[in-house]
Amino acid sequence: MNIITFMTFAILVITILTLVFGVLAYFLYKIRESKKKVHILEEGYEEMLTKQDTDYIFFKKVNLYERPETN
């Protein structure tokens, strides 16, 4: 087999595999993002301020990827 034919075939296979893995990675990313739990606040910052009767509200940073501890 000629070296040019072999290299052409190798480039074609690598290109097709790259496209397939790219599409697969995209769909896996979309599945992972859809499984994330998004907490939607029903009240705004001003409503929370009036409820707490303070000047500022301090929020805790929550890691969405960390599993909650169960005791």
N, C-alpha and C. Protein backbone atom coordinates (compact mmCIF):
# COMPACT_ATOMS: atom_id res chain seq x y z
N MET A 1 0.85 -1.18 0.00
CA MET A 1 0.00 0.00 0.00
C MET A 1 0.90 1.24 0.00
N ASN A 2 0.50 2.19 -0.74
CA ASN A 2 1.25 3.43 -0.87
C ASN A 2 1.15 4.24 0.42
N ILE A 3 2.22 4.95 0.80
CA ILE A 3 2.25 5.72 2.06
C ILE A 3 1.25 6.88 2.02
N ILE A 4 1.04 7.47 0.85
CA ILE A 4 0.08 8.58 0.74
C ILE A 4 -1.34 8.08 0.99
N THR A 5 -1.68 6.92 0.46
CA THR A 5 -3.00 6.35 0.68
C THR A 5 -3.21 6.03 2.15
N PHE A 6 -2.20 5.46 2.79
CA PHE A 6 -2.29 5.12 4.21
C PHE A 6 -2.47 6.38 5.07
N MET A 7 -1.69 7.42 4.80
CA MET A 7 -1.79 8.66 5.58
C MET A 7 -3.14 9.34 5.37
N THR A 8 -3.63 9.31 4.13
CA THR A 8 -4.95 9.89 3.85
C THR A 8 -6.04 9.16 4.62
N PHE A 9 -5.96 7.83 4.63
CA PHE A 9 -6.94 7.04 5.36
C PHE A 9 -6.84 7.30 6.86
N ALA A 10 -5.63 7.42 7.40
CA ALA A 10 -5.43 7.69 8.83
C ALA A 10 -6.00 9.06 9.20
N ILE A 11 -5.77 10.06 8.38
CA ILE A 11 -6.31 11.40 8.66
C ILE A 11 -7.84 11.38 8.62
N LEU A 12 -8.41 10.65 7.67
CA LEU A 12 -9.87 10.55 7.57
C LEU A 12 -10.46 9.88 8.81
N VAL A 13 -9.85 8.78 9.26
CA VAL A 13 -10.36 8.07 10.44
C VAL A 13 -10.23 8.93 11.69
N ILE A 14 -9.11 9.62 11.85
CA ILE A 14 -8.91 10.47 13.02
C ILE A 14 -9.91 11.63 13.02
N THR A 15 -10.19 12.20 11.86
CA THR A 15 -11.17 13.29 11.77
C THR A 15 -12.57 12.81 12.14
N ILE A 16 -12.95 11.66 11.64
CA ILE A 16 -14.29 11.12 11.95
C ILE A 16 -14.40 10.80 13.44
N LEU A 17 -13.35 10.20 14.02
CA LEU A 17 -13.38 9.89 15.46
C LEU A 17 -13.45 11.17 16.30
N THR A 18 -12.76 12.21 15.88
CA THR A 18 -12.81 13.48 16.61
C THR A 18 -14.22 14.05 16.60
N LEU A 19 -14.87 14.02 15.46
CA LEU A 19 -16.25 14.52 15.38
C LEU A 19 -17.20 13.68 16.23
N VAL A 20 -17.04 12.37 16.21
CA VAL A 20 -17.91 11.49 17.00
C VAL A 20 -17.72 11.75 18.49
N PHE A 21 -16.46 11.84 18.94
CA PHE A 21 -16.20 12.11 20.36
C PHE A 21 -16.67 13.50 20.77
N GLY A 22 -16.59 14.45 19.87
CA GLY A 22 -17.08 15.80 20.17
C GLY A 22 -18.58 15.81 20.39
N VAL A 23 -19.32 15.15 19.52
CA VAL A 23 -20.78 15.08 19.67
C VAL A 23 -21.15 14.31 20.92
N LEU A 24 -20.45 13.22 21.20
CA LEU A 24 -20.71 12.43 22.41
C LEU A 24 -20.44 13.25 23.67
N ALA A 25 -19.34 13.98 23.68
CA ALA A 25 -19.02 14.81 24.84
C ALA A 25 -20.06 15.90 25.04
N TYR A 26 -20.58 16.47 23.96
CA TYR A 26 -21.62 17.50 24.07
C TYR A 26 -22.88 16.93 24.72
N PHE A 27 -23.32 15.76 24.28
CA PHE A 27 -24.53 15.18 24.85
C PHE A 27 -24.32 14.76 26.30
N LEU A 28 -23.14 14.25 26.64
CA LEU A 28 -22.87 13.92 28.03
C LEU A 28 -22.85 15.17 28.90
N TYR A 29 -22.33 16.27 28.38
CA TYR A 29 -22.35 17.55 29.10
C TYR A 29 -23.78 18.02 29.33
N LYS A 30 -24.62 17.92 28.33
CA LYS A 30 -26.02 18.34 28.47
C LYS A 30 -26.75 17.48 29.49
N ILE A 31 -26.47 16.19 29.52
CA ILE A 31 -27.10 15.31 30.50
C ILE A 31 -26.66 15.69 31.90
N ARG A 32 -25.37 15.95 32.08
CA ARG A 32 -24.86 16.33 33.40
C ARG A 32 -25.45 17.65 33.86
N GLU A 33 -25.57 18.62 32.96
CA GLU A 33 -26.13 19.91 33.33
C GLU A 33 -27.61 19.81 33.66
N SER A 34 -28.33 18.92 33.00
CA SER A 34 -29.76 18.79 33.29
C SER A 34 -30.01 18.12 34.64
N LYS A 35 -29.04 17.35 35.14
CA LYS A 35 -29.20 16.68 36.43
C LYS A 35 -28.85 17.57 37.60
N LYS A 36 -28.22 18.72 37.34
CA LYS A 36 -27.87 19.63 38.42
C LYS A 36 -29.15 20.19 39.03
N LYS A 37 -29.13 20.32 40.34
CA LYS A 37 -30.27 20.92 41.02
C LYS A 37 -30.04 22.42 41.10
N VAL A 38 -30.97 23.16 40.55
CA VAL A 38 -30.87 24.62 40.57
C VAL A 38 -31.88 25.14 41.58
N HIS A 39 -31.35 25.89 42.53
CA HIS A 39 -32.22 26.47 43.54
C HIS A 39 -32.67 27.84 43.06
N ILE A 40 -33.96 27.99 42.90
CA ILE A 40 -34.52 29.25 42.44
C ILE A 40 -35.13 29.96 43.64
N LEU A 41 -34.67 31.16 43.88
CA LEU A 41 -35.21 31.95 44.98
C LEU A 41 -36.55 32.54 44.55
N GLU A 42 -37.53 32.40 45.42
CA GLU A 42 -38.85 32.92 45.10
C GLU A 42 -39.00 34.38 45.50
N GLU A 43 -38.13 34.85 46.38
CA GLU A 43 -38.21 36.24 46.78
C GLU A 43 -36.89 36.92 46.50
N GLY A 44 -36.94 38.21 46.28
CA GLY A 44 -35.75 38.96 45.93
C GLY A 44 -34.95 39.40 47.14
N TYR A 45 -33.86 40.08 46.86
CA TYR A 45 -32.95 40.54 47.91
C TYR A 45 -33.63 41.54 48.83
N GLU A 46 -34.42 42.45 48.27
CA GLU A 46 -35.10 43.47 49.08
C GLU A 46 -36.11 42.85 50.03
N GLU A 47 -36.84 41.83 49.55
CA GLU A 47 -37.80 41.16 50.42
C GLU A 47 -37.10 40.44 51.56
N MET A 48 -35.93 39.86 51.29
CA MET A 48 -35.18 39.20 52.35
C MET A 48 -34.68 40.21 53.37
N LEU A 49 -34.27 41.39 52.91
CA LEU A 49 -33.79 42.42 53.84
C LEU A 49 -34.90 42.86 54.78
N THR A 50 -36.09 43.06 54.25
CA THR A 50 -37.19 43.49 55.11
C THR A 50 -37.60 42.38 56.07
N LYS A 51 -37.50 41.14 55.63
CA LYS A 51 -37.85 40.02 56.50
C LYS A 51 -36.83 39.85 57.63
N GLN A 52 -35.54 40.04 57.34
CA GLN A 52 -34.48 39.88 58.34
C GLN A 52 -34.32 41.13 59.20
N ASP A 53 -34.79 42.28 58.72
CA ASP A 53 -34.69 43.56 59.40
C ASP A 53 -33.23 43.92 59.70
N THR A 54 -32.36 43.74 58.70
CA THR A 54 -30.95 44.10 58.81
C THR A 54 -30.54 44.90 57.58
N ASP A 55 -29.29 45.38 57.61
CA ASP A 55 -28.78 46.14 56.47
C ASP A 55 -28.21 45.24 55.39
N TYR A 56 -27.63 44.11 55.78
CA TYR A 56 -26.99 43.22 54.82
C TYR A 56 -27.40 41.78 55.08
N ILE A 57 -27.34 40.98 54.04
CA ILE A 57 -27.57 39.55 54.16
C ILE A 57 -26.32 38.86 53.65
N PHE A 58 -25.80 37.93 54.43
CA PHE A 58 -24.62 37.17 54.04
C PHE A 58 -25.06 35.78 53.63
N PHE A 59 -24.68 35.39 52.44
CA PHE A 59 -25.03 34.08 51.91
C PHE A 59 -23.86 33.12 52.08
N LYS A 60 -24.18 31.85 52.30
CA LYS A 60 -23.15 30.83 52.36
C LYS A 60 -22.92 30.29 50.96
N LYS A 61 -21.65 30.03 50.64
CA LYS A 61 -21.32 29.45 49.36
C LYS A 61 -21.60 27.95 49.43
N VAL A 62 -22.36 27.44 48.46
CA VAL A 62 -22.75 26.05 48.44
C VAL A 62 -22.07 25.38 47.26
N ASN A 63 -21.41 24.27 47.52
CA ASN A 63 -20.78 23.50 46.46
C ASN A 63 -21.82 22.52 45.92
N LEU A 64 -22.23 22.69 44.66
CA LEU A 64 -23.26 21.84 44.09
C LEU A 64 -22.78 20.43 43.82
N TYR A 65 -21.47 20.24 43.72
CA TYR A 65 -20.94 18.93 43.39
C TYR A 65 -20.65 18.09 44.63
N GLU A 66 -20.74 18.68 45.80
CA GLU A 66 -20.47 17.97 47.04
C GLU A 66 -21.73 17.27 47.52
N ARG A 67 -21.59 16.03 47.92
CA ARG A 67 -22.75 15.30 48.42
C ARG A 67 -23.08 15.74 49.83
N PRO A 68 -24.35 15.88 50.14
CA PRO A 68 -24.71 16.26 51.52
C PRO A 68 -24.42 15.12 52.48
N GLU A 69 -24.02 15.49 53.67
CA GLU A 69 -23.70 14.49 54.69
C GLU A 69 -25.01 13.96 55.29
N THR A 70 -25.07 12.65 55.41
CA THR A 70 -26.24 12.02 56.03
C THR A 70 -25.76 11.29 57.28
N ASN A 71 -26.42 11.57 58.37
CA ASN A 71 -26.05 10.94 59.65
C ASN A 71 -27.14 10.02 60.11
